[in-house]
Amino acid sequence: MMLQNTAAEFSNERSVKYRQAVSNVQHIWQDDLEVMYSYLAPSTGEKILEIGAGSGFFSFPIAEAIGDKGMLYALDPSADQLTPIKEANLPNVFPIIASAEDFLLPGQVDKIWSRGHFIMWSIKPDL
């Protein structure tokens, strides 16, 4: 069974309201960032696919970690959610408006990150 997406679910308005609601809770996502740094361990020059990039909570730290020689493909089905990423216009971040099932990766990646399930795979050369 496939769940139907609603406009509210993927709107930037929802993301903005959520950030406002949690803004008074200091370091609310610090544990999530630590998990990302620990398991994904983004490094200079890597090419990383982020599935469910949303408004860029992880995208910006990943982009900083991989530097100018790296590339982050920030995938999200909502153009509205990707607005902050697109507006930042970072040279090492390529926003992709598509669902995980319906996109073509523009190239090979070293790692894949998804906050939604804290899934990370390291693509091995022998695969």
PDB file of N, CA and C in Angstrom:
ATOM      1  N   MET A   1       0.838  -1.175   0.000  1.00  0.00           N
ATOM      2  CA  MET A   1       0.000   0.000   0.000  1.00  0.00           C
ATOM      3  C   MET A   1       0.886   1.243   0.000  1.00  0.00           C
ATOM      4  N   MET A   2       0.560   2.193  -0.837  1.00  0.00           N
ATOM      5  CA  MET A   2       1.337   3.426  -0.920  1.00  0.00           C
ATOM      6  C   MET A   2       0.589   4.541  -0.207  1.00  0.00           C
ATOM      7  N   LEU A   3       1.312   5.293   0.609  1.00  0.00           N
ATOM      8  CA  LEU A   3       0.698   6.412   1.301  1.00  0.00           C
ATOM      9  C   LEU A   3       0.645   7.616   0.380  1.00  0.00           C
ATOM     10  N   GLN A   4      -0.438   8.335   0.443  1.00  0.00           N
ATOM     11  CA  GLN A   4      -0.591   9.523  -0.390  1.00  0.00           C
ATOM     12  C   GLN A   4       0.030  10.719   0.320  1.00  0.00           C
ATOM     13  N   ASN A   5       0.847  11.464  -0.412  1.00  0.00           N
ATOM     14  CA  ASN A   5       1.475  12.655   0.146  1.00  0.00           C
ATOM     15  C   ASN A   5       0.487  13.812   0.131  1.00  0.00           C
ATOM     16  N   THR A   6       0.531  14.610   1.169  1.00  0.00           N
ATOM     17  CA  THR A   6      -0.306  15.798   1.206  1.00  0.00           C
ATOM     18  C   THR A   6       0.563  17.022   1.036  1.00  0.00           C
ATOM     19  N   ALA A   7      -0.012  18.089   0.550  1.00  0.00           N
ATOM     20  CA  ALA A   7       0.739  19.332   0.353  1.00  0.00           C
ATOM     21  C   ALA A   7       1.314  19.827   1.673  1.00  0.00           C
ATOM     22  N   ALA A   8       0.556  19.683   2.757  1.00  0.00           N
ATOM     23  CA  ALA A   8       1.028  20.150   4.066  1.00  0.00           C
ATOM     24  C   ALA A   8       2.243  19.370   4.535  1.00  0.00           C
ATOM     25  N   GLU A   9       2.268  18.082   4.226  1.00  0.00           N
ATOM     26  CA  GLU A   9       3.371  17.240   4.676  1.00  0.00           C
ATOM     27  C   GLU A   9       4.705  17.694   4.089  1.00  0.00           C
ATOM     28  N   PHE A  10       4.700  18.155   2.857  1.00  0.00           N
ATOM     29  CA  PHE A  10       5.940  18.507   2.186  1.00  0.00           C
ATOM     30  C   PHE A  10       6.097  20.003   1.966  1.00  0.00           C
ATOM     31  N   SER A  11       5.386  20.816   2.711  1.00  0.00           N
ATOM     32  CA  SER A  11       5.495  22.258   2.513  1.00  0.00           C
ATOM     33  C   SER A  11       6.583  22.854   3.396  1.00  0.00           C
ATOM     34  N   ASN A  12       7.183  23.903   2.913  1.00  0.00           N
ATOM     35  CA  ASN A  12       8.185  24.616   3.695  1.00  0.00           C
ATOM     36  C   ASN A  12       7.529  25.262   4.913  1.00  0.00           C
ATOM     37  N   GLU A  13       6.240  25.595   4.809  1.00  0.00           N
ATOM     38  CA  GLU A  13       5.511  26.196   5.928  1.00  0.00           C
ATOM     39  C   GLU A  13       5.545  25.257   7.136  1.00  0.00           C
ATOM     40  N   ARG A  14       5.351  23.975   6.902  1.00  0.00           N
ATOM     41  CA  ARG A  14       5.386  22.999   7.993  1.00  0.00           C
ATOM     42  C   ARG A  14       6.773  22.980   8.630  1.00  0.00           C
ATOM     43  N   SER A  15       7.794  23.020   7.801  1.00  0.00           N
ATOM     44  CA  SER A  15       9.165  23.017   8.295  1.00  0.00           C
ATOM     45  C   SER A  15       9.460  24.261   9.125  1.00  0.00           C
ATOM     46  N   VAL A  16       9.016  25.406   8.657  1.00  0.00           N
ATOM     47  CA  VAL A  16       9.237  26.667   9.376  1.00  0.00           C
ATOM     48  C   VAL A  16       8.532  26.637  10.725  1.00  0.00           C
ATOM     49  N   LYS A  17       7.287  26.171  10.747  1.00  0.00           N
ATOM     50  CA  LYS A  17       6.525  26.103  12.002  1.00  0.00           C
ATOM     51  C   LYS A  17       7.182  25.142  12.994  1.00  0.00           C
ATOM     52  N   TYR A  18       7.711  24.037  12.479  1.00  0.00           N
ATOM     53  CA  TYR A  18       8.389  23.084  13.360  1.00  0.00           C
ATOM     54  C   TYR A  18       9.626  23.717  13.973  1.00  0.00           C
ATOM     55  N   ARG A  19      10.435  24.387  13.143  1.00  0.00           N
ATOM     56  CA  ARG A  19      11.641  25.041  13.666  1.00  0.00           C
ATOM     57  C   ARG A  19      11.281  26.095  14.704  1.00  0.00           C
ATOM     58  N   GLN A  20      10.194  26.829  14.484  1.00  0.00           N
ATOM     59  CA  GLN A  20       9.760  27.833  15.466  1.00  0.00           C
ATOM     60  C   GLN A  20       9.345  27.157  16.770  1.00  0.00           C
ATOM     61  N   ALA A  21       8.633  26.049  16.665  1.00  0.00           N
ATOM     62  CA  ALA A  21       8.137  25.355  17.856  1.00  0.00           C
ATOM     63  C   ALA A  21       9.258  24.805  18.726  1.00  0.00           C
ATOM     64  N   VAL A  22      10.348  24.366  18.104  1.00  0.00           N
ATOM     65  CA  VAL A  22      11.436  23.774  18.880  1.00  0.00           C
ATOM     66  C   VAL A  22      12.590  24.749  19.139  1.00  0.00           C
ATOM     67  N   SER A  23      12.458  25.970  18.685  1.00  0.00           N
ATOM     68  CA  SER A  23      13.558  26.930  18.801  1.00  0.00           C
ATOM     69  C   SER A  23      13.917  27.267  20.247  1.00  0.00           C
ATOM     70  N   ASN A  24      12.982  27.079  21.161  1.00  0.00           N
ATOM     71  CA  ASN A  24      13.279  27.397  22.559  1.00  0.00           C
ATOM     72  C   ASN A  24      13.890  26.216  23.322  1.00  0.00           C
ATOM     73  N   VAL A  25      14.076  25.105  22.633  1.00  0.00           N
ATOM     74  CA  VAL A  25      14.688  23.942  23.257  1.00  0.00           C
ATOM     75  C   VAL A  25      16.135  23.880  22.763  1.00  0.00           C
ATOM     76  N   GLN A  26      17.053  24.283  23.618  1.00  0.00           N
ATOM     77  CA  GLN A  26      18.454  24.374  23.241  1.00  0.00           C
ATOM     78  C   GLN A  26      19.033  23.005  22.896  1.00  0.00           C
ATOM     79  N   HIS A  27      19.754  22.923  21.803  1.00  0.00           N
ATOM     80  CA  HIS A  27      20.459  21.708  21.356  1.00  0.00           C
ATOM     81  C   HIS A  27      19.526  20.529  21.112  1.00  0.00           C
ATOM     82  N   ILE A  28      18.306  20.796  20.645  1.00  0.00           N
ATOM     83  CA  ILE A  28      17.329  19.715  20.470  1.00  0.00           C
ATOM     84  C   ILE A  28      17.796  18.656  19.472  1.00  0.00           C
ATOM     85  N   TRP A  29      18.563  19.049  18.470  1.00  0.00           N
ATOM     86  CA  TRP A  29      18.997  18.099  17.458  1.00  0.00           C
ATOM     87  C   TRP A  29      20.469  17.725  17.608  1.00  0.00           C
ATOM     88  N   GLN A  30      21.098  18.089  18.699  1.00  0.00           N
ATOM     89  CA  GLN A  30      22.520  17.806  18.873  1.00  0.00           C
ATOM     90  C   GLN A  30      22.816  16.311  18.802  1.00  0.00           C
ATOM     91  N   ASP A  31      21.974  15.496  19.412  1.00  0.00           N
ATOM     92  CA  ASP A  31      22.185  14.046  19.356  1.00  0.00           C
ATOM     93  C   ASP A  31      22.132  13.540  17.918  1.00  0.00           C
ATOM     94  N   ASP A  32      21.191  14.077  17.127  1.00  0.00           N
ATOM     95  CA  ASP A  32      21.070  13.671  15.731  1.00  0.00           C
ATOM     96  C   ASP A  32      22.328  14.039  14.943  1.00  0.00           C
ATOM     97  N   LEU A  33      22.853  15.229  15.196  1.00  0.00           N
ATOM     98  CA  LEU A  33      24.087  15.650  14.523  1.00  0.00           C
ATOM     99  C   LEU A  33      25.252  14.742  14.906  1.00  0.00           C
ATOM    100  N   GLU A  34      25.336  14.391  16.169  1.00  0.00           N
ATOM    101  CA  GLU A  34      26.410  13.510  16.620  1.00  0.00           C
ATOM    102  C   GLU A  34      26.323  12.143  15.956  1.00  0.00           C
ATOM    103  N   VAL A  35      25.102  11.638  15.793  1.00  0.00           N
ATOM    104  CA  VAL A  35      24.910  10.368  15.098  1.00  0.00           C
ATOM    105  C   VAL A  35      25.371  10.498  13.647  1.00  0.00           C
ATOM    106  N   MET A  36      24.979  11.597  13.001  1.00  0.00           N
ATOM    107  CA  MET A  36      25.389  11.803  11.608  1.00  0.00           C
ATOM    108  C   MET A  36      26.905  11.847  11.484  1.00  0.00           C
ATOM    109  N   TYR A  37      27.566  12.660  12.325  1.00  0.00           N
ATOM    110  CA  TYR A  37      29.022  12.764  12.250  1.00  0.00           C
ATOM    111  C   TYR A  37      29.692  11.430  12.563  1.00  0.00           C
ATOM    112  N   SER A  38      29.132  10.681  13.500  1.00  0.00           N
ATOM    113  CA  SER A  38      29.721   9.413  13.902  1.00  0.00           C
ATOM    114  C   SER A  38      29.566   8.334  12.827  1.00  0.00           C
ATOM    115  N   TYR A  39      28.366   8.179  12.292  1.00  0.00           N
ATOM    116  CA  TYR A  39      28.103   7.089  11.357  1.00  0.00           C
ATOM    117  C   TYR A  39      28.385   7.454   9.902  1.00  0.00           C
ATOM    118  N   LEU A  40      28.012   8.629   9.487  1.00  0.00           N
ATOM    119  CA  LEU A  40      28.290   9.041   8.106  1.00  0.00           C
ATOM    120  C   LEU A  40      29.743   9.463   7.963  1.00  0.00           C
ATOM    121  N   ALA A  41      30.247  10.183   8.951  1.00  0.00           N
ATOM    122  CA  ALA A  41      31.638  10.651   8.961  1.00  0.00           C
ATOM    123  C   ALA A  41      32.019  11.304   7.639  1.00  0.00           C
ATOM    124  N   PRO A  42      31.309  12.374   7.249  1.00  0.00           N
ATOM    125  CA  PRO A  42      31.613  13.015   5.967  1.00  0.00           C
ATOM    126  C   PRO A  42      33.030  13.584   5.951  1.00  0.00           C
ATOM    127  N   SER A  43      33.728  13.348   4.841  1.00  0.00           N
ATOM    128  CA  SER A  43      35.117  13.769   4.725  1.00  0.00           C
ATOM    129  C   SER A  43      35.329  14.597   3.467  1.00  0.00           C
ATOM    130  N   THR A  44      36.371  15.375   3.486  1.00  0.00           N
ATOM    131  CA  THR A  44      36.719  16.235   2.367  1.00  0.00           C
ATOM    132  C   THR A  44      36.750  15.450   1.057  1.00  0.00           C
ATOM    133  N   GLY A  45      36.076  15.990   0.057  1.00  0.00           N
ATOM    134  CA  GLY A  45      36.103  15.420  -1.285  1.00  0.00           C
ATOM    135  C   GLY A  45      35.096  14.324  -1.560  1.00  0.00           C
ATOM    136  N   GLU A  46      34.339  13.887  -0.565  1.00  0.00           N
ATOM    137  CA  GLU A  46      33.378  12.802  -0.786  1.00  0.00           C
ATOM    138  C   GLU A  46      32.154  13.285  -1.547  1.00  0.00           C
ATOM    139  N   LYS A  47      31.530  12.327  -2.244  1.00  0.00           N
ATOM    140  CA  LYS A  47      30.250  12.552  -2.908  1.00  0.00           C
ATOM    141  C   LYS A  47      29.209  11.796  -2.103  1.00  0.00           C
ATOM    142  N   ILE A  48      28.212  12.540  -1.592  1.00  0.00           N
ATOM    143  CA  ILE A  48      27.223  11.960  -0.687  1.00  0.00           C
ATOM    144  C   ILE A  48      25.824  12.253  -1.200  1.00  0.00           C
ATOM    145  N   LEU A  49      24.945  11.260  -1.131  1.00  0.00           N
ATOM    146  CA  LEU A  49      23.531  11.423  -1.429  1.00  0.00           C
ATOM    147  C   LEU A  49      22.788  11.512  -0.108  1.00  0.00           C
ATOM    148  N   GLU A  50      22.022  12.579   0.077  1.00  0.00           N
ATOM    149  CA  GLU A  50      21.172  12.714   1.262  1.00  0.00           C
ATOM    150  C   GLU A  50      19.729  12.516   0.830  1.00  0.00           C
ATOM    151  N   ILE A  51      19.095  11.481   1.347  1.00  0.00           N
ATOM    152  CA  ILE A  51      17.694  11.193   1.017  1.00  0.00           C
ATOM    153  C   ILE A  51      16.814  11.826   2.082  1.00  0.00           C
ATOM    154  N   GLY A  52      15.878  12.666   1.658  1.00  0.00           N
ATOM    155  CA  GLY A  52      15.013  13.379   2.587  1.00  0.00           C
ATOM    156  C   GLY A  52      15.717  14.574   3.189  1.00  0.00           C
ATOM    157  N   ALA A  53      16.341  15.381   2.353  1.00  0.00           N
ATOM    158  CA  ALA A  53      17.141  16.518   2.817  1.00  0.00           C
ATOM    159  C   ALA A  53      16.305  17.594   3.503  1.00  0.00           C
ATOM    160  N   GLY A  54      15.030  17.687   3.151  1.00  0.00           N
ATOM    161  CA  GLY A  54      14.171  18.693   3.777  1.00  0.00           C
ATOM    162  C   GLY A  54      14.728  20.091   3.608  1.00  0.00           C
ATOM    163  N   SER A  55      14.769  20.836   4.684  1.00  0.00           N
ATOM    164  CA  SER A  55      15.226  22.228   4.619  1.00  0.00           C
ATOM    165  C   SER A  55      16.719  22.367   4.904  1.00  0.00           C
ATOM    166  N   GLY A  56      17.427  21.261   5.015  1.00  0.00           N
ATOM    167  CA  GLY A  56      18.880  21.310   5.068  1.00  0.00           C
ATOM    168  C   GLY A  56      19.541  21.179   6.422  1.00  0.00           C
ATOM    169  N   PHE A  57      18.825  20.678   7.427  1.00  0.00           N
ATOM    170  CA  PHE A  57      19.422  20.562   8.758  1.00  0.00           C
ATOM    171  C   PHE A  57      20.760  19.820   8.716  1.00  0.00           C
ATOM    172  N   PHE A  58      20.811  18.697   8.004  1.00  0.00           N
ATOM    173  CA  PHE A  58      22.054  17.950   7.856  1.00  0.00           C
ATOM    174  C   PHE A  58      22.843  18.397   6.638  1.00  0.00           C
ATOM    175  N   SER A  59      22.163  18.910   5.640  1.00  0.00           N
ATOM    176  CA  SER A  59      22.818  19.281   4.383  1.00  0.00           C
ATOM    177  C   SER A  59      23.935  20.287   4.588  1.00  0.00           C
ATOM    178  N   PHE A  60      23.681  21.311   5.377  1.00  0.00           N
ATOM    179  CA  PHE A  60      24.679  22.357   5.569  1.00  0.00           C
ATOM    180  C   PHE A  60      25.934  21.846   6.294  1.00  0.00           C
ATOM    181  N   PRO A  61      25.810  21.091   7.387  1.00  0.00           N
ATOM    182  CA  PRO A  61      27.016  20.536   8.013  1.00  0.00           C
ATOM    183  C   PRO A  61      27.747  19.530   7.121  1.00  0.00           C
ATOM    184  N   ILE A  62      26.995  18.737   6.355  1.00  0.00           N
ATOM    185  CA  ILE A  62      27.637  17.783   5.449  1.00  0.00           C
ATOM    186  C   ILE A  62      28.412  18.543   4.378  1.00  0.00           C
ATOM    187  N   ALA A  63      27.789  19.575   3.803  1.00  0.00           N
ATOM    188  CA  ALA A  63      28.450  20.373   2.763  1.00  0.00           C
ATOM    189  C   ALA A  63      29.740  20.993   3.288  1.00  0.00           C
ATOM    190  N   GLU A  64      29.704  21.466   4.516  1.00  0.00           N
ATOM    191  CA  GLU A  64      30.900  22.061   5.113  1.00  0.00           C
ATOM    192  C   GLU A  64      31.995  21.002   5.288  1.00  0.00           C
ATOM    193  N   ALA A  65      31.599  19.808   5.723  1.00  0.00           N
ATOM    194  CA  ALA A  65      32.577  18.744   5.983  1.00  0.00           C
ATOM    195  C   ALA A  65      33.232  18.228   4.695  1.00  0.00           C
ATOM    196  N   ILE A  66      32.470  18.151   3.609  1.00  0.00           N
ATOM    197  CA  ILE A  66      33.031  17.610   2.364  1.00  0.00           C
ATOM    198  C   ILE A  66      33.804  18.661   1.579  1.00  0.00           C
ATOM    199  N   GLY A  67      33.589  19.924   1.897  1.00  0.00           N
ATOM    200  CA  GLY A  67      34.354  20.993   1.272  1.00  0.00           C
ATOM    201  C   GLY A  67      34.059  21.195  -0.205  1.00  0.00           C
ATOM    202  N   ASP A  68      34.833  22.077  -0.815  1.00  0.00           N
ATOM    203  CA  ASP A  68      34.622  22.450  -2.215  1.00  0.00           C
ATOM    204  C   ASP A  68      34.898  21.315  -3.191  1.00  0.00           C
ATOM    205  N   LYS A  69      35.692  20.340  -2.792  1.00  0.00           N
ATOM    206  CA  LYS A  69      36.015  19.226  -3.682  1.00  0.00           C
ATOM    207  C   LYS A  69      34.991  18.101  -3.597  1.00  0.00           C
ATOM    208  N   GLY A  70      34.072  18.192  -2.643  1.00  0.00           N
ATOM    209  CA  GLY A  70      33.029  17.190  -2.498  1.00  0.00           C
ATOM    210  C   GLY A  70      31.750  17.628  -3.183  1.00  0.00           C
ATOM    211  N   MET A  71      30.754  16.731  -3.186  1.00  0.00           N
ATOM    212  CA  MET A  71      29.443  17.054  -3.747  1.00  0.00           C
ATOM    213  C   MET A  71      28.377  16.364  -2.910  1.00  0.00           C
ATOM    214  N   LEU A  72      27.370  17.146  -2.512  1.00  0.00           N
ATOM    215  CA  LEU A  72      26.214  16.617  -1.803  1.00  0.00           C
ATOM    216  C   LEU A  72      25.013  16.700  -2.721  1.00  0.00           C
ATOM    217  N   TYR A  73      24.399  15.558  -2.995  1.00  0.00           N
ATOM    218  CA  TYR A  73      23.149  15.509  -3.737  1.00  0.00           C
ATOM    219  C   TYR A  73      22.038  15.492  -2.698  1.00  0.00           C
ATOM    220  N   ALA A  74      21.312  16.606  -2.575  1.00  0.00           N
ATOM    221  CA  ALA A  74      20.267  16.771  -1.548  1.00  0.00           C
ATOM    222  C   ALA A  74      18.912  16.461  -2.167  1.00  0.00           C
ATOM    223  N   LEU A  75      18.381  15.291  -1.859  1.00  0.00           N
ATOM    224  CA  LEU A  75      17.154  14.783  -2.463  1.00  0.00           C
ATOM    225  C   LEU A  75      15.964  14.985  -1.537  1.00  0.00           C
ATOM    226  N   ASP A  76      14.879  15.544  -2.071  1.00  0.00           N
ATOM    227  CA  ASP A  76      13.632  15.673  -1.324  1.00  0.00           C
ATOM    228  C   ASP A  76      12.492  15.801  -2.325  1.00  0.00           C
ATOM    229  N   PRO A  77      11.318  15.231  -2.036  1.00  0.00           N
ATOM    230  CA  PRO A  77      10.206  15.333  -2.978  1.00  0.00           C
ATOM    231  C   PRO A  77       9.536  16.708  -2.993  1.00  0.00           C
ATOM    232  N   SER A  78       9.913  17.575  -2.067  1.00  0.00           N
ATOM    233  CA  SER A  78       9.247  18.877  -1.950  1.00  0.00           C
ATOM    234  C   SER A  78      10.166  20.025  -2.342  1.00  0.00           C
ATOM    235  N   ALA A  79       9.771  20.749  -3.371  1.00  0.00           N
ATOM    236  CA  ALA A  79      10.509  21.953  -3.767  1.00  0.00           C
ATOM    237  C   ALA A  79      10.480  22.980  -2.642  1.00  0.00           C
ATOM    238  N   ASP A  80       9.345  23.086  -1.945  1.00  0.00           N
ATOM    239  CA  ASP A  80       9.231  24.035  -0.831  1.00  0.00           C
ATOM    240  C   ASP A  80      10.216  23.707   0.281  1.00  0.00           C
ATOM    241  N   GLN A  81      10.318  22.430   0.630  1.00  0.00           N
ATOM    242  CA  GLN A  81      11.230  22.032   1.697  1.00  0.00           C
ATOM    243  C   GLN A  81      12.679  22.351   1.324  1.00  0.00           C
ATOM    244  N   LEU A  82      13.030  22.202   0.055  1.00  0.00           N
ATOM    245  CA  LEU A  82      14.398  22.436  -0.393  1.00  0.00           C
ATOM    246  C   LEU A  82      14.743  23.918  -0.557  1.00  0.00           C
ATOM    247  N   THR A  83      13.776  24.802  -0.336  1.00  0.00           N
ATOM    248  CA  THR A  83      13.999  26.236  -0.542  1.00  0.00           C
ATOM    249  C   THR A  83      15.241  26.769   0.168  1.00  0.00           C
ATOM    250  N   PRO A  84      15.451  26.510   1.466  1.00  0.00           N
ATOM    251  CA  PRO A  84      16.656  27.042   2.110  1.00  0.00           C
ATOM    252  C   PRO A  84      17.954  26.542   1.472  1.00  0.00           C
ATOM    253  N   ILE A  85      17.947  25.312   1.006  1.00  0.00           N
ATOM    254  CA  ILE A  85      19.139  24.752   0.360  1.00  0.00           C
ATOM    255  C   ILE A  85      19.370  25.442  -0.977  1.00  0.00           C
ATOM    256  N   LYS A  86      18.298  25.593  -1.756  1.00  0.00           N
ATOM    257  CA  LYS A  86      18.428  26.251  -3.055  1.00  0.00           C
ATOM    258  C   LYS A  86      18.868  27.703  -2.885  1.00  0.00           C
ATOM    259  N   GLU A  87      18.295  28.398  -1.906  1.00  0.00           N
ATOM    260  CA  GLU A  87      18.635  29.804  -1.686  1.00  0.00           C
ATOM    261  C   GLU A  87      20.079  29.993  -1.221  1.00  0.00           C
ATOM    262  N   ALA A  88      20.635  29.005  -0.533  1.00  0.00           N
ATOM    263  CA  ALA A  88      22.027  29.099  -0.087  1.00  0.00           C
ATOM    264  C   ALA A  88      22.995  29.053  -1.272  1.00  0.00           C
ATOM    265  N   ASN A  89      22.571  28.410  -2.349  1.00  0.00           N
ATOM    266  CA  ASN A  89      23.341  28.364  -3.598  1.00  0.00           C
ATOM    267  C   ASN A  89      24.800  27.941  -3.366  1.00  0.00           C
ATOM    268  N   LEU A  90      24.983  26.878  -2.600  1.00  0.00           N
ATOM    269  CA  LEU A  90      26.331  26.382  -2.317  1.00  0.00           C
ATOM    270  C   LEU A  90      26.866  25.633  -3.535  1.00  0.00           C
ATOM    271  N   PRO A  91      28.124  25.850  -3.897  1.00  0.00           N
ATOM    272  CA  PRO A  91      28.672  25.206  -5.098  1.00  0.00           C
ATOM    273  C   PRO A  91      28.825  23.690  -4.978  1.00  0.00           C
ATOM    274  N   ASN A  92      28.839  23.163  -3.749  1.00  0.00           N
ATOM    275  CA  ASN A  92      29.017  21.716  -3.563  1.00  0.00           C
ATOM    276  C   ASN A  92      27.727  21.009  -3.133  1.00  0.00           C
ATOM    277  N   VAL A  93      26.584  21.668  -3.357  1.00  0.00           N
ATOM    278  CA  VAL A  93      25.289  21.051  -3.044  1.00  0.00           C
ATOM    279  C   VAL A  93      24.405  21.115  -4.283  1.00  0.00           C
ATOM    280  N   PHE A  94      23.895  19.953  -4.688  1.00  0.00           N
ATOM    281  CA  PHE A  94      23.038  19.845  -5.858  1.00  0.00           C
ATOM    282  C   PHE A  94      21.654  19.382  -5.396  1.00  0.00           C
ATOM    283  N   PRO A  95      20.676  20.307  -5.273  1.00  0.00           N
ATOM    284  CA  PRO A  95      19.326  19.906  -4.846  1.00  0.00           C
ATOM    285  C   PRO A  95      18.615  19.109  -5.943  1.00  0.00           C
ATOM    286  N   ILE A  96      17.934  18.045  -5.545  1.00  0.00           N
ATOM    287  CA  ILE A  96      17.166  17.212  -6.470  1.00  0.00           C
ATOM    288  C   ILE A  96      15.745  17.115  -5.941  1.00  0.00           C
ATOM    289  N   ILE A  97      14.788  17.572  -6.730  1.00  0.00           N
ATOM    290  CA  ILE A  97      13.379  17.511  -6.328  1.00  0.00           C
ATOM    291  C   ILE A  97      12.782  16.226  -6.900  1.00  0.00           C
ATOM    292  N   ALA A  98      12.725  15.205  -6.058  1.00  0.00           N
ATOM    293  CA  ALA A  98      12.187  13.904  -6.460  1.00  0.00           C
ATOM    294  C   ALA A  98      12.075  13.027  -5.221  1.00  0.00           C
ATOM    295  N   SER A  99      11.251  11.999  -5.338  1.00  0.00           N
ATOM    296  CA  SER A  99      11.176  11.024  -4.247  1.00  0.00           C
ATOM    297  C   SER A  99      12.313  10.024  -4.420  1.00  0.00           C
ATOM    298  N   ALA A 100      12.599   9.288  -3.373  1.00  0.00           N
ATOM    299  CA  ALA A 100      13.689   8.309  -3.415  1.00  0.00           C
ATOM    300  C   ALA A 100      13.436   7.235  -4.469  1.00  0.00           C
ATOM    301  N   GLU A 101      12.177   6.969  -4.769  1.00  0.00           N
ATOM    302  CA  GLU A 101      11.839   5.945  -5.758  1.00  0.00           C
ATOM    303  C   GLU A 101      11.921   6.459  -7.189  1.00  0.00           C
ATOM    304  N   ASP A 102      11.896   7.780  -7.380  1.00  0.00           N
ATOM    305  CA  ASP A 102      11.723   8.341  -8.721  1.00  0.00           C
ATOM    306  C   ASP A 102      12.840   9.274  -9.169  1.00  0.00           C
ATOM    307  N   PHE A 103      14.075   8.977  -8.848  1.00  0.00           N
ATOM    308  CA  PHE A 103      15.140   9.878  -9.272  1.00  0.00           C
ATOM    309  C   PHE A 103      16.287   9.101  -9.891  1.00  0.00           C
ATOM    310  N   LEU A 104      17.037   9.802 -10.692  1.00  0.00           N
ATOM    311  CA  LEU A 104      18.253   9.241 -11.266  1.00  0.00           C
ATOM    312  C   LEU A 104      19.421  10.007 -10.682  1.00  0.00           C
ATOM    313  N   LEU A 105      20.323   9.309 -10.085  1.00  0.00           N
ATOM    314  CA  LEU A 105      21.501   9.922  -9.492  1.00  0.00           C
ATOM    315  C   LEU A 105      22.408  10.431 -10.610  1.00  0.00           C
ATOM    316  N   PRO A 106      22.833  11.695 -10.511  1.00  0.00           N
ATOM    317  CA  PRO A 106      23.667  12.254 -11.579  1.00  0.00           C
ATOM    318  C   PRO A 106      25.081  11.671 -11.646  1.00  0.00           C
ATOM    319  N   GLY A 107      25.460  10.838 -10.727  1.00  0.00           N
ATOM    320  CA  GLY A 107      26.794  10.248 -10.743  1.00  0.00           C
ATOM    321  C   GLY A 107      26.956   9.257  -9.608  1.00  0.00           C
ATOM    322  N   GLN A 108      28.135   8.682  -9.469  1.00  0.00           N
ATOM    323  CA  GLN A 108      28.425   7.736  -8.404  1.00  0.00           C
ATOM    324  C   GLN A 108      28.631   8.487  -7.091  1.00  0.00           C
ATOM    325  N   VAL A 109      28.247   7.857  -5.974  1.00  0.00           N
ATOM    326  CA  VAL A 109      28.432   8.457  -4.658  1.00  0.00           C
ATOM    327  C   VAL A 109      29.263   7.526  -3.776  1.00  0.00           C
ATOM    328  N   ASP A 110      29.875   8.135  -2.769  1.00  0.00           N
ATOM    329  CA  ASP A 110      30.663   7.367  -1.799  1.00  0.00           C
ATOM    330  C   ASP A 110      29.801   6.871  -0.648  1.00  0.00           C
ATOM    331  N   LYS A 111      28.807   7.697  -0.263  1.00  0.00           N
ATOM    332  CA  LYS A 111      27.959   7.368   0.887  1.00  0.00           C
ATOM    333  C   LYS A 111      26.542   7.866   0.659  1.00  0.00           C
ATOM    334  N   ILE A 112      25.618   7.262   1.413  1.00  0.00           N
ATOM    335  CA  ILE A 112      24.209   7.674   1.380  1.00  0.00           C
ATOM    336  C   ILE A 112      23.768   7.921   2.810  1.00  0.00           C
ATOM    337  N   TRP A 113      23.067   9.041   3.030  1.00  0.00           N
ATOM    338  CA  TRP A 113      22.577   9.403   4.360  1.00  0.00           C
ATOM    339  C   TRP A 113      21.075   9.661   4.295  1.00  0.00           C
ATOM    340  N   SER A 114      20.358   9.154   5.291  1.00  0.00           N
ATOM    341  CA  SER A 114      18.929   9.437   5.433  1.00  0.00           C
ATOM    342  C   SER A 114      18.626   9.630   6.909  1.00  0.00           C
ATOM    343  N   ARG A 115      18.293  10.845   7.283  1.00  0.00           N
ATOM    344  CA  ARG A 115      17.988  11.138   8.683  1.00  0.00           C
ATOM    345  C   ARG A 115      16.772  10.367   9.161  1.00  0.00           C
ATOM    346  N   GLY A 116      15.792  10.215   8.294  1.00  0.00           N
ATOM    347  CA  GLY A 116      14.535   9.587   8.672  1.00  0.00           C
ATOM    348  C   GLY A 116      14.704   8.242   9.346  1.00  0.00           C
ATOM    349  N   HIS A 117      15.692   7.501   8.958  1.00  0.00           N
ATOM    350  CA  HIS A 117      15.910   6.173   9.531  1.00  0.00           C
ATOM    351  C   HIS A 117      17.335   5.988  10.024  1.00  0.00           C
ATOM    352  N   PHE A 118      18.099   7.068   9.998  1.00  0.00           N
ATOM    353  CA  PHE A 118      19.521   6.986  10.343  1.00  0.00           C
ATOM    354  C   PHE A 118      20.173   5.818   9.626  1.00  0.00           C
ATOM    355  N   ILE A 119      19.927   5.810   8.328  1.00  0.00           N
ATOM    356  CA  ILE A 119      20.513   4.773   7.487  1.00  0.00           C
ATOM    357  C   ILE A 119      21.741   5.362   6.801  1.00  0.00           C
ATOM    358  N   MET A 120      22.817   4.632   6.820  1.00  0.00           N
ATOM    359  CA  MET A 120      24.012   5.054   6.104  1.00  0.00           C
ATOM    360  C   MET A 120      24.679   3.818   5.551  1.00  0.00           C
ATOM    361  N   TRP A 121      24.951   3.861   4.262  1.00  0.00           N
ATOM    362  CA  TRP A 121      25.724   2.803   3.641  1.00  0.00           C
ATOM    363  C   TRP A 121      26.984   3.425   3.082  1.00  0.00           C
ATOM    364  N   SER A 122      28.060   2.743   3.223  1.00  0.00           N
ATOM    365  CA  SER A 122      29.297   3.162   2.566  1.00  0.00           C
ATOM    366  C   SER A 122      29.447   2.293   1.334  1.00  0.00           C
ATOM    367  N   ILE A 123      29.500   2.917   0.178  1.00  0.00           N
ATOM    368  CA  ILE A 123      29.618   2.173  -1.066  1.00  0.00           C
ATOM    369  C   ILE A 123      31.038   1.625  -1.172  1.00  0.00           C
ATOM    370  N   LYS A 124      31.150   0.330  -1.252  1.00  0.00           N
ATOM    371  CA  LYS A 124      32.449  -0.323  -1.283  1.00  0.00           C
ATOM    372  C   LYS A 124      32.904  -0.532  -2.734  1.00  0.00           C
ATOM    373  N   PRO A 125      34.212  -0.347  -3.010  1.00  0.00           N
ATOM    374  CA  PRO A 125      34.723  -0.503  -4.359  1.00  0.00           C
ATOM    375  C   PRO A 125      34.482  -1.893  -4.956  1.00  0.00           C
ATOM    376  N   ASP A 126      34.393  -2.916  -4.113  1.00  0.00           N
ATOM    377  CA  ASP A 126      34.234  -4.279  -4.627  1.00  0.00           C
ATOM    378  C   ASP A 126      32.792  -4.660  -4.913  1.00  0.00           C
ATOM    379  N   LEU A 127      31.850  -3.751  -4.767  1.00  0.00           N
ATOM    380  CA  LEU A 127      30.446  -4.070  -5.063  1.00  0.00           C
ATOM    381  C   LEU A 127      30.158  -4.001  -6.537  1.00  0.00           C
TER     382      LEU A 127
END
